[in-house]
Protein backbone atom coordinates (compact mmCIF):
# COMPACT_ATOMS: atom_id res chain seq x y z
CA MET A 1 -11.80 -11.62 21.45
CA LEU A 2 -12.49 -8.95 23.82
CA ASN A 3 -11.29 -9.52 27.40
CA MET A 4 -13.15 -7.03 29.34
CA ALA A 5 -11.00 -7.08 32.51
CA GLU A 6 -7.78 -6.83 30.36
CA GLY A 7 -9.40 -4.06 28.34
CA LEU A 8 -10.31 -2.05 31.55
CA ALA A 9 -6.88 -2.39 32.81
CA ARG A 10 -5.47 -1.16 29.49
CA LEU A 11 -7.94 1.86 29.83
CA GLU A 12 -6.38 2.61 33.25
CA GLU A 13 -2.81 2.43 31.85
CA LEU A 14 -3.99 5.03 28.80
CA ALA A 15 -5.35 7.47 31.36
CA ALA A 16 -2.21 7.36 33.61
CA HIS A 17 0.16 8.00 30.77
CA PRO A 18 2.17 11.14 31.30
CA VAL A 19 0.88 12.82 28.21
CA VAL A 20 -2.76 12.05 29.23
CA ALA A 21 -2.38 13.06 32.79
CA THR A 22 -0.79 16.41 31.83
CA LEU A 23 -3.32 17.41 29.29
CA ALA A 24 -6.10 16.25 31.55
CA ARG A 25 -4.83 18.52 34.25
CA VAL A 26 -4.28 21.52 31.99
CA PHE A 27 -8.03 21.40 30.53
CA ALA A 28 -9.66 20.65 33.95
CA ASP A 29 -7.97 23.66 35.47
CA ALA A 30 -9.28 25.81 32.50
CA GLY A 31 -12.81 24.40 33.07
CA ARG A 32 -12.90 22.46 29.73
CA ASP A 33 -13.77 18.89 28.98
CA LEU A 34 -11.20 16.57 27.51
CA ALA A 35 -11.56 13.04 26.36
CA ILE A 36 -9.36 10.23 24.71
CA VAL A 37 -11.30 9.34 21.64
CA GLY A 38 -11.69 6.72 18.82
CA GLY A 39 -8.80 4.29 18.00
CA PRO A 40 -6.94 4.64 21.40
CA VAL A 41 -10.02 3.62 23.35
CA ARG A 42 -10.86 0.90 20.89
CA ASP A 43 -7.36 -0.57 20.90
CA ALA A 44 -7.12 -0.29 24.66
CA LEU A 45 -10.36 -2.30 25.22
CA LEU A 46 -8.88 -5.00 22.89
CA GLY A 47 -5.93 -5.19 25.05
CA ARG A 48 -3.41 -3.45 22.83
CA LEU A 49 -1.21 -0.67 23.87
CA THR A 50 -1.30 2.31 21.54
CA HIS A 51 0.92 5.46 20.91
CA ASP A 52 -1.88 7.37 19.31
CA PHE A 53 -3.11 10.18 21.41
CA ASP A 54 -6.25 11.84 19.93
CA PHE A 55 -8.46 13.99 22.04
CA THR A 56 -11.51 15.82 21.65
CA THR A 57 -12.82 18.83 23.71
CA ASP A 58 -15.56 21.45 23.97
CA ALA A 59 -12.78 24.14 23.69
CA ARG A 60 -12.29 26.01 20.33
CA PRO A 61 -9.06 25.85 18.39
CA ASP A 62 -7.64 29.18 19.42
CA GLU A 63 -8.30 28.18 22.92
CA ILE A 64 -6.81 24.59 22.43
CA LEU A 65 -3.68 26.28 21.22
CA ALA A 66 -3.29 28.55 24.18
CA LEU A 67 -3.69 25.65 26.66
CA VAL A 68 -1.26 23.24 25.09
CA LYS A 69 1.48 25.93 24.57
CA PRO A 70 2.82 25.82 28.07
CA VAL A 71 3.19 21.97 28.24
CA SER A 72 4.30 21.44 24.69
CA SER A 73 7.71 21.60 22.89
CA VAL A 74 6.09 22.58 19.67
CA GLN A 75 2.63 23.09 18.09
CA TRP A 76 1.06 22.96 14.68
CA ASP A 77 -2.36 24.33 13.48
CA VAL A 78 -2.47 23.14 9.84
CA GLY A 79 -5.80 21.54 10.74
CA ARG A 80 -7.35 24.63 12.60
CA ASP A 81 -9.99 25.09 9.97
CA PHE A 82 -11.26 21.57 10.97
CA GLY A 83 -10.97 22.12 14.71
CA THR A 84 -7.79 20.26 14.93
CA ILE A 85 -4.59 21.45 16.94
CA GLY A 86 -1.37 19.29 16.99
CA ALA A 87 1.38 19.29 19.60
CA ARG A 88 4.39 17.39 21.00
CA VAL A 89 3.89 16.73 24.68
CA HIS A 90 6.56 14.60 26.63
CA GLY A 91 8.09 13.85 23.28
CA GLU A 92 4.67 12.39 21.99
CA GLN A 93 2.67 13.70 19.08
CA VAL A 94 -0.92 14.60 20.06
CA GLU A 95 -3.98 15.89 18.06
CA ILE A 96 -6.77 17.71 19.97
CA THR A 97 -9.92 18.44 18.16
CA THR A 98 -13.02 20.56 19.08
CA TYR A 99 -16.28 18.58 19.09
CA ARG A 100 -17.47 18.41 15.37
CA ALA A 101 -20.27 17.70 13.28
CA ASP A 102 -18.86 17.69 9.59
CA SER A 103 -20.60 16.50 6.50
CA TYR A 104 -20.39 16.73 2.73
CA ASP A 105 -22.94 18.72 0.66
CA GLY A 106 -22.96 15.90 -1.95
CA VAL A 107 -21.39 18.08 -4.54
CA THR A 108 -17.97 19.17 -3.44
CA ARG A 109 -14.93 17.12 -2.44
CA LYS A 110 -14.38 18.67 0.83
CA PRO A 111 -16.37 18.32 4.12
CA THR A 112 -18.04 21.26 5.63
CA VAL A 113 -17.18 21.76 9.22
CA GLU A 114 -19.43 22.74 12.07
CA PHE A 115 -18.32 22.67 15.74
CA GLY A 116 -20.41 20.74 18.28
CA ASP A 117 -21.02 21.28 21.84
CA THR A 118 -21.38 17.68 23.45
CA LEU A 119 -19.06 14.74 23.56
CA GLU A 120 -22.05 12.47 22.98
CA ALA A 121 -23.13 14.15 19.63
CA ASP A 122 -19.52 14.32 18.53
CA LEU A 123 -19.28 10.45 19.15
CA THR A 124 -22.56 9.94 17.26
CA ARG A 125 -21.20 11.60 13.99
CA ARG A 126 -18.01 9.29 13.85
CA ASP A 127 -17.56 6.40 11.32
CA PHE A 128 -18.27 3.27 13.19
CA THR A 129 -19.50 2.50 16.84
CA VAL A 130 -16.27 0.70 17.81
CA ASN A 131 -14.47 4.10 17.01
CA ALA A 132 -17.32 6.05 18.83
CA MET A 133 -16.27 5.54 22.33
CA ALA A 134 -14.34 7.99 24.47
CA LEU A 135 -12.61 8.06 27.97
CA ARG A 136 -13.16 11.24 29.82
CA VAL A 137 -10.06 12.40 31.71
CA PRO A 138 -9.05 12.96 34.45
CA ALA A 139 -12.35 11.41 35.57
CA ARG A 140 -11.64 8.14 33.62
CA THR A 141 -15.19 7.57 32.69
CA LEU A 142 -15.99 5.41 29.53
CA VAL A 143 -18.55 7.21 27.20
CA ASP A 144 -20.15 4.80 24.60
CA PRO A 145 -23.58 6.10 23.29
CA THR A 146 -23.74 3.87 20.37
CA GLY A 147 -22.92 0.33 21.67
CA GLY A 148 -19.31 0.03 20.68
CA VAL A 149 -18.43 -2.27 23.46
CA GLU A 150 -21.20 -4.72 22.36
CA ASP A 151 -19.93 -4.42 18.68
CA LEU A 152 -16.21 -5.07 19.93
CA ILE A 153 -17.35 -8.14 21.63
CA ALA A 154 -19.37 -9.43 18.67
CA GLY A 155 -16.41 -8.34 16.14
CA ARG A 156 -18.97 -6.18 14.28
CA LEU A 157 -18.51 -3.05 12.30
CA ARG A 158 -21.57 -0.93 12.39
CA THR A 159 -22.23 2.74 11.87
CA PRO A 160 -23.43 4.63 14.95
CA ILE A 161 -26.53 6.14 12.99
CA ASP A 162 -28.43 4.99 9.87
CA PRO A 163 -25.67 3.86 7.60
CA ALA A 164 -27.25 5.86 4.62
CA VAL A 165 -26.95 9.00 6.67
CA SER A 166 -23.40 8.28 8.06
CA PHE A 167 -22.12 7.56 4.55
CA GLY A 168 -23.90 10.40 3.09
CA ASP A 169 -22.04 12.72 5.50
CA ASP A 170 -18.70 11.28 4.32
CA PRO A 171 -18.65 8.65 1.74
CA LEU A 172 -15.07 7.81 2.52
CA ARG A 173 -16.37 5.94 5.63
CA MET A 174 -17.48 3.11 3.25
CA LEU A 175 -13.67 2.46 2.22
CA ARG A 176 -12.70 2.83 5.85
CA GLY A 177 -15.21 0.02 6.71
CA ALA A 178 -13.17 -2.27 4.41
CA ARG A 179 -9.96 -1.22 6.07
CA PHE A 180 -11.21 -1.77 9.55
CA ALA A 181 -12.63 -5.33 8.30
CA SER A 182 -9.02 -6.33 7.65
CA GLN A 183 -7.19 -4.38 10.51
CA LEU A 184 -9.53 -5.63 13.31
CA GLU A 185 -10.53 -8.91 11.61
CA PHE A 186 -14.26 -7.88 12.06
CA ASP A 187 -17.35 -8.42 9.99
CA ILE A 188 -19.40 -5.66 8.59
CA ASP A 189 -23.02 -5.51 9.72
CA PRO A 190 -25.30 -6.61 6.99
CA ASP A 191 -27.37 -3.27 6.81
CA THR A 192 -24.12 -1.43 6.73
CA LEU A 193 -22.90 -3.59 3.79
CA ASP A 194 -26.11 -2.99 2.01
CA ALA A 195 -25.76 0.77 2.36
CA ILE A 196 -22.34 0.58 0.88
CA ALA A 197 -23.39 -1.26 -2.16
CA GLU A 198 -26.31 1.27 -2.58
CA LEU A 199 -24.29 4.46 -1.99
CA ARG A 200 -21.04 3.32 -3.72
CA GLN A 201 -21.27 5.90 -6.42
CA THR A 202 -21.21 8.64 -3.80
CA LEU A 203 -17.65 8.02 -3.40
CA GLN A 204 -16.92 10.05 -6.54
CA ILE A 205 -17.37 13.20 -4.66
CA VAL A 206 -14.20 12.34 -2.40
CA SER A 207 -10.88 13.45 -3.75
CA PRO A 208 -8.42 10.93 -5.26
CA GLU A 209 -5.93 11.84 -2.62
CA ARG A 210 -8.19 10.67 0.29
CA VAL A 211 -9.19 7.43 -1.63
CA GLN A 212 -5.58 6.70 -2.18
CA SER A 213 -4.86 7.14 1.49
CA GLU A 214 -7.37 4.73 2.62
CA LEU A 215 -6.21 2.17 0.12
CA VAL A 216 -2.73 2.57 1.30
CA ARG A 217 -3.88 1.90 4.85
CA LEU A 218 -5.77 -1.11 3.73
CA LEU A 219 -2.68 -2.60 2.04
CA GLN A 220 -0.69 -1.91 5.03
CA THR A 221 -2.75 -4.26 7.16
CA ASP A 222 -1.60 -7.89 7.73
CA ASP A 223 -4.39 -9.29 5.64
CA PRO A 224 -5.81 -6.86 3.22
CA VAL A 225 -7.69 -9.67 1.17
CA ARG A 226 -10.56 -9.43 3.81
CA GLY A 227 -11.03 -5.78 3.01
CA ILE A 228 -10.73 -6.20 -0.75
CA ARG A 229 -13.24 -8.87 -0.89
CA VAL A 230 -15.76 -6.34 0.82
CA LEU A 231 -14.85 -3.81 -1.70
CA VAL A 232 -15.41 -6.23 -4.64
CA GLU A 233 -18.60 -7.87 -3.12
CA THR A 234 -20.18 -4.32 -2.63
CA ARG A 235 -18.81 -3.03 -5.87
CA LEU A 236 -17.43 0.02 -4.20
CA ILE A 237 -14.09 -0.91 -5.74
CA ASP A 238 -15.49 -0.06 -9.24
CA GLU A 239 -15.52 3.53 -8.37
CA PHE A 240 -11.69 3.71 -8.04
CA LEU A 241 -9.90 0.49 -9.07
CA PRO A 242 -12.22 -1.35 -11.48
CA GLU A 243 -9.26 -3.39 -12.89
CA VAL A 244 -9.52 -5.75 -9.79
CA PRO A 245 -13.08 -6.99 -10.14
CA ALA A 246 -12.54 -7.31 -13.79
CA LEU A 247 -10.08 -10.22 -12.91
CA ARG A 248 -13.12 -12.48 -12.31
CA LEU A 249 -12.91 -13.96 -15.67
CA GLU A 250 -15.89 -16.04 -16.85
CA VAL A 251 -15.00 -19.70 -17.10
CA ASP A 252 -17.03 -21.64 -19.78
CA GLU A 253 -17.27 -25.35 -19.95
CA HIS A 254 -14.84 -25.59 -22.83
CA HIS A 255 -12.16 -23.05 -21.95
CA HIS A 256 -10.98 -23.99 -18.28
CA HIS A 257 -8.42 -21.67 -16.49
CA LYS A 258 -7.72 -20.25 -13.25
CA ASP A 259 -9.86 -17.57 -11.65
CA VAL A 260 -7.49 -14.62 -12.14
CA TYR A 261 -9.28 -12.68 -9.23
CA GLU A 262 -8.68 -15.45 -6.68
CA HIS A 263 -5.22 -16.18 -7.94
CA SER A 264 -4.25 -12.39 -7.48
CA LEU A 265 -5.56 -12.33 -3.87
CA THR A 266 -3.47 -15.45 -3.17
CA VAL A 267 -0.58 -13.96 -4.66
CA LEU A 268 -1.03 -10.89 -2.45
CA ARG A 269 -1.14 -12.91 0.74
CA GLN A 270 1.81 -14.99 -0.20
CA ALA A 271 3.89 -11.88 -1.04
CA ILE A 272 3.02 -10.34 2.24
CA ALA A 273 4.18 -13.70 4.01
CA LEU A 274 7.46 -13.59 1.97
CA GLU A 275 7.78 -9.78 2.71
CA LYS A 276 7.51 -10.48 6.55
CA GLN A 277 9.82 -13.53 6.25
CA ARG A 278 12.64 -11.76 4.15
CA THR A 279 12.49 -8.39 5.95
CA PRO A 280 10.74 -8.92 9.23
CA ASP A 281 11.44 -5.70 10.59
CA ALA A 282 10.70 -3.36 7.64
CA ALA A 283 7.34 -1.33 7.35
CA PRO A 284 4.70 -2.79 5.16
CA ASP A 285 5.88 -2.71 1.42
CA VAL A 286 3.09 -0.80 -0.33
CA PRO A 287 4.50 -0.75 -3.94
CA LEU A 288 5.10 -4.50 -3.73
CA ARG A 289 1.52 -5.26 -2.54
CA LEU A 290 0.15 -3.11 -5.26
CA ALA A 291 2.15 -5.03 -7.67
CA ALA A 292 0.91 -8.38 -6.31
CA LEU A 293 -2.77 -7.28 -6.39
CA LEU A 294 -2.46 -5.60 -9.90
CA HIS A 295 0.21 -7.97 -11.70
CA ASP A 296 -2.53 -9.64 -13.76
CA ILE A 297 -4.87 -6.82 -14.62
CA GLY A 298 -3.83 -7.13 -18.20
CA LYS A 299 -5.26 -10.34 -18.44
CA PRO A 300 -8.86 -9.45 -19.40
CA ALA A 301 -7.74 -7.30 -22.27
CA THR A 302 -5.33 -9.86 -23.64
CA ARG A 303 -7.49 -12.95 -23.22
CA ARG A 304 -7.88 -15.14 -26.21
CA LEU A 305 -9.87 -18.29 -26.43
CA GLU A 306 -7.87 -20.78 -28.78
CA PRO A 307 -9.32 -23.78 -30.74
CA GLY A 308 -9.22 -26.83 -28.75
CA GLY A 309 -10.06 -25.16 -25.38
CA GLY A 310 -6.82 -23.26 -24.62
CA VAL A 311 -6.70 -19.78 -23.24
CA THR A 312 -3.75 -17.16 -23.91
CA PHE A 313 -3.03 -13.87 -22.25
CA HIS A 314 -0.08 -12.83 -24.69
CA HIS A 315 1.74 -9.72 -23.48
CA HIS A 316 -0.58 -9.21 -20.41
CA ASP A 317 2.43 -8.07 -18.46
CA ILE A 318 3.14 -5.22 -20.83
CA LYS A 319 -0.57 -4.31 -21.03
CA GLY A 320 -0.95 -4.63 -17.33
CA ALA A 321 2.01 -2.33 -16.73
CA ARG A 322 0.51 0.43 -18.78
CA MET A 323 -3.03 -0.01 -17.18
CA ALA A 324 -1.40 0.27 -13.59
CA ARG A 325 0.67 3.30 -14.52
CA LYS A 326 -2.58 4.92 -15.61
CA ARG A 327 -4.72 3.98 -12.59
CA LEU A 328 -2.07 4.74 -10.05
CA GLN A 329 -1.65 8.32 -11.67
CA ALA A 330 -5.45 8.72 -11.57
CA LEU A 331 -5.25 7.93 -7.75
CA ARG A 332 -2.47 10.50 -7.40
CA PHE A 333 0.18 8.08 -6.25
CA ASP A 334 3.56 9.64 -6.42
CA ALA A 335 5.69 9.08 -9.59
CA ALA A 336 8.27 6.82 -7.57
CA THR A 337 5.52 4.25 -6.43
CA THR A 338 3.88 4.46 -9.82
CA THR A 339 7.07 3.62 -11.61
CA VAL A 340 8.10 0.86 -9.19
CA VAL A 341 4.67 -0.82 -9.46
CA SER A 342 4.47 -0.69 -13.24
CA ARG A 343 8.03 -1.95 -13.54
CA LEU A 344 7.37 -4.93 -11.33
CA ILE A 345 4.26 -5.72 -13.44
CA GLU A 346 6.18 -5.41 -16.64
CA LEU A 347 8.93 -7.86 -15.29
CA HIS A 348 6.84 -10.53 -13.30
CA LEU A 349 6.82 -13.00 -16.15
CA ARG A 350 10.51 -12.78 -16.99
CA PHE A 351 11.65 -15.54 -14.57
CA PHE A 352 9.27 -18.49 -15.92
CA GLY A 353 11.57 -18.56 -19.02
CA TYR A 354 14.47 -19.46 -16.69
CA ALA A 355 12.18 -22.30 -15.18
CA GLU A 356 11.88 -23.76 -18.66
CA GLY A 357 15.63 -23.87 -19.18
CA ALA A 358 18.71 -22.50 -17.33
CA TRP A 359 19.95 -19.18 -18.49
CA THR A 360 23.47 -18.27 -19.44
CA ASP A 361 25.38 -15.86 -17.18
CA ALA A 362 24.60 -13.02 -19.62
CA ALA A 363 20.82 -13.72 -19.21
CA VAL A 364 21.05 -13.57 -15.49
CA ARG A 365 23.12 -10.29 -15.61
CA ARG A 366 20.31 -8.77 -17.79
CA TYR A 367 17.74 -9.93 -15.40
CA VAL A 368 19.63 -8.08 -12.59
CA ARG A 369 20.14 -4.99 -14.60
CA ASP A 370 16.62 -4.93 -15.89
CA ALA A 371 15.24 -5.20 -12.20
CA GLY A 372 17.77 -2.62 -10.97
CA ASP A 373 16.78 -1.45 -7.52
CA GLU A 374 13.59 -3.54 -7.49
CA LEU A 375 15.35 -6.90 -7.66
CA GLU A 376 14.35 -8.02 -4.19
CA ARG A 377 10.74 -6.85 -4.69
CA LEU A 378 10.80 -8.94 -7.95
CA HIS A 379 12.13 -11.99 -6.06
CA ILE A 380 9.09 -11.84 -3.78
CA LEU A 381 6.57 -11.12 -6.57
CA THR A 382 7.73 -13.91 -8.67
CA ARG A 383 7.85 -16.40 -5.86
CA ALA A 384 4.48 -15.36 -4.74
CA ASP A 385 2.87 -15.80 -8.21
CA VAL A 386 3.35 -19.50 -7.77
CA THR A 387 -0.15 -20.54 -6.76
CA THR A 388 -0.41 -24.03 -8.39
CA ARG A 389 -1.95 -26.95 -6.37
CA ASN A 390 0.33 -29.23 -8.31
CA LYS A 391 3.04 -29.88 -5.65
CA ARG A 392 5.48 -31.26 -8.06
CA LYS A 393 5.34 -28.10 -10.36
CA ALA A 394 5.43 -25.78 -7.38
CA GLN A 395 8.47 -27.44 -5.98
CA ARG A 396 10.14 -27.31 -9.45
CA LEU A 397 9.53 -23.56 -9.75
CA ALA A 398 10.70 -22.90 -6.20
CA SER A 399 13.87 -24.87 -6.98
CA ALA A 400 14.31 -22.99 -10.16
CA TYR A 401 14.10 -19.70 -8.32
CA ASP A 402 16.46 -20.76 -5.52
CA ASP A 403 19.00 -21.57 -8.27
CA ILE A 404 18.74 -18.21 -9.92
CA GLU A 405 19.17 -16.42 -6.47
CA SER A 406 22.15 -18.66 -5.93
CA ARG A 407 23.51 -17.59 -9.23
CA ILE A 408 22.97 -14.00 -8.68
CA ALA A 409 24.69 -14.25 -5.34
CA THR A 410 27.74 -15.96 -7.08
CA LEU A 411 28.03 -13.30 -9.69
CA ARG A 412 27.87 -10.68 -7.11
CA GLU A 413 30.90 -12.06 -5.50
CA GLN A 414 32.72 -12.28 -8.76
CA GLU A 415 31.77 -9.06 -10.45
CA GLU A 416 29.74 -5.74 -9.64
CA ILE A 417 26.63 -7.28 -10.83
CA ASP A 418 24.35 -4.69 -9.09
CA ALA A 419 26.07 -1.68 -10.91
CA ILE A 420 26.63 -3.33 -14.27
CA ARG A 421 28.38 -0.68 -16.58
CA PRO A 422 30.92 -0.74 -19.32
CA GLU A 423 34.50 -0.99 -18.46
CA LEU A 424 35.36 2.24 -20.20
CA ASP A 425 33.41 5.50 -19.52
CA GLY A 426 32.30 8.02 -22.17
CA ASN A 427 35.59 10.11 -21.96
CA ARG A 428 37.71 6.98 -22.49
CA ILE A 429 35.64 6.03 -25.43
CA GLN A 430 36.29 9.35 -27.08
CA GLU A 431 40.05 9.03 -26.34
CA VAL A 432 40.28 5.31 -27.88
CA LEU A 433 38.28 6.11 -30.93
CA GLY A 434 39.34 9.81 -31.40
CA ILE A 435 35.73 11.12 -31.52
CA ALA A 436 34.04 14.24 -30.06
CA PRO A 437 30.82 13.96 -27.63
CA GLY A 438 27.88 12.94 -29.79
CA ARG A 439 25.58 9.97 -30.89
CA GLU A 440 28.48 7.72 -31.82
CA VAL A 441 29.64 7.85 -28.10
CA GLY A 442 26.21 6.67 -27.13
CA GLU A 443 26.32 3.74 -29.53
CA ALA A 444 29.73 2.71 -28.46
CA TYR A 445 28.68 2.76 -24.76
CA ARG A 446 25.81 0.54 -25.70
CA PHE A 447 28.04 -1.89 -27.39
CA LEU A 448 30.51 -2.11 -24.62
CA LEU A 449 27.44 -2.69 -22.11
CA ASP A 450 26.28 -5.66 -24.31
CA LEU A 451 29.72 -6.80 -24.05
CA ARG A 452 29.74 -6.61 -20.19
CA LEU A 453 26.52 -8.32 -20.04
CA ASP A 454 27.34 -11.08 -22.25
CA GLU A 455 30.85 -11.94 -21.14
CA GLY A 456 31.17 -10.24 -17.69
CA VAL A 457 34.44 -8.56 -17.02
CA VAL A 458 37.01 -8.88 -19.69
CA GLY A 459 39.52 -6.10 -18.70
CA GLU A 460 40.06 -2.73 -19.94
CA GLU A 461 42.69 -3.64 -22.60
CA GLU A 462 40.50 -6.23 -24.06
CA ALA A 463 37.45 -3.93 -23.87
CA GLU A 464 39.45 -1.32 -25.93
CA ARG A 465 40.44 -3.93 -28.46
CA ARG A 466 36.95 -5.12 -28.87
CA LEU A 467 35.67 -1.37 -29.11
CA ARG A 468 38.25 -0.78 -31.99
CA GLU A 469 37.17 -3.80 -33.90
CA TRP A 470 33.47 -2.76 -33.61
CA TRP A 471 34.38 0.92 -34.64
CA ALA A 472 36.27 -0.43 -37.70
CA ALA A 473 33.62 -2.93 -38.75
CA ARG A 474 30.92 0.06 -38.23
CA THR A 475 33.03 2.28 -40.41
CA THR A 476 33.46 -0.33 -43.08
CA ASN A 477 29.79 -0.91 -43.26
CA GLY A 478 29.18 2.72 -43.79
CA ALA A 479 27.27 3.45 -40.49
């Protein structure tokens, strides 16, 4: 809820910040306009402190660079073609952009850029009214030509101009709308929602990298579910992540089963809650959140209606992992993120065998080995995957997972469970068996690894004895 008195006080604090005061003086002395714009102004009015310093000016990029050099420790101009100069002032990173009027031509994936001449025109071309406010400095005058303050009070997201024109200028704004709905906990204006639904296919001209960036920002919010619902309801998500709306499986009168879409959103929320509980000071875990959202995307392709009213999704974990990998690659996610997400999806059902009957130590070791560096994420995802309303069942599963984590902790104390490897390395294997490097060394290594997983630490002498026995039997059998 917007508290105007508190918001105005925050604006005063923002204007008095050393970074702002320094740049305001420099540009005023040069006879140039300068204004803090967009997110910093919005957040200040909402009573939030910000360390974002985004400015806009009537100066062109070359002049901006010349003005900031004397008061900054470093400058960069990678955004010069788009009118943006970056710098570090009083230890803070700032971006200063010439008034703009960019748009898409409807064919290419990159915006065309035209510089503008007035602050009001620059604000009108921005994505939403709540981001289309500016604070002129040093005068400290709030400029709000499109009703951003009123929309802040109403908790509403609305485009400054006709949404069809705004989204036509930059289709990525539709995806930003979903992100801001989550980030600010605002509702999207009905006309704006209708325009998103109508123009959703224009997102195809936006590069996958830009779409991915907005998806990541959405997932980094405290409650991305709100924004995901916007994407699904407008069908915008069909253009870049169609596997999610496909989870809304039809439930017929004979084959009753959970709505997998709603289940997945619940898993995402529960995973975020556990993530914050277990690692409260860490940055939002995007790979974990992607895995939570996508963990069941293999279900529609593996769904089988069985006689008697049952429904099965055999091997949906394997299918889902492959689908996730393909989709994340299409969105240009890095290889590490893609691998982590697909691996978590592949492993997310493994624990439920434990809940049905306690595993041997060997099985627990294999669980840890297979999870590798993603064990903590797998703990969170598996716990979050329990969404049953049956309290007794939920408690049983939670107790079972408490037990497996306890057993892992115990095994960690007893042996190097996080770095499970045979007690003999490749060189020692060659010495014991008297063989040269080759395929047989790899086979012997895998035999010893299985021995380590099954029985734990047996000691080097016993490992050598077992290896000789295995080799003798292998040789006798003609391998």
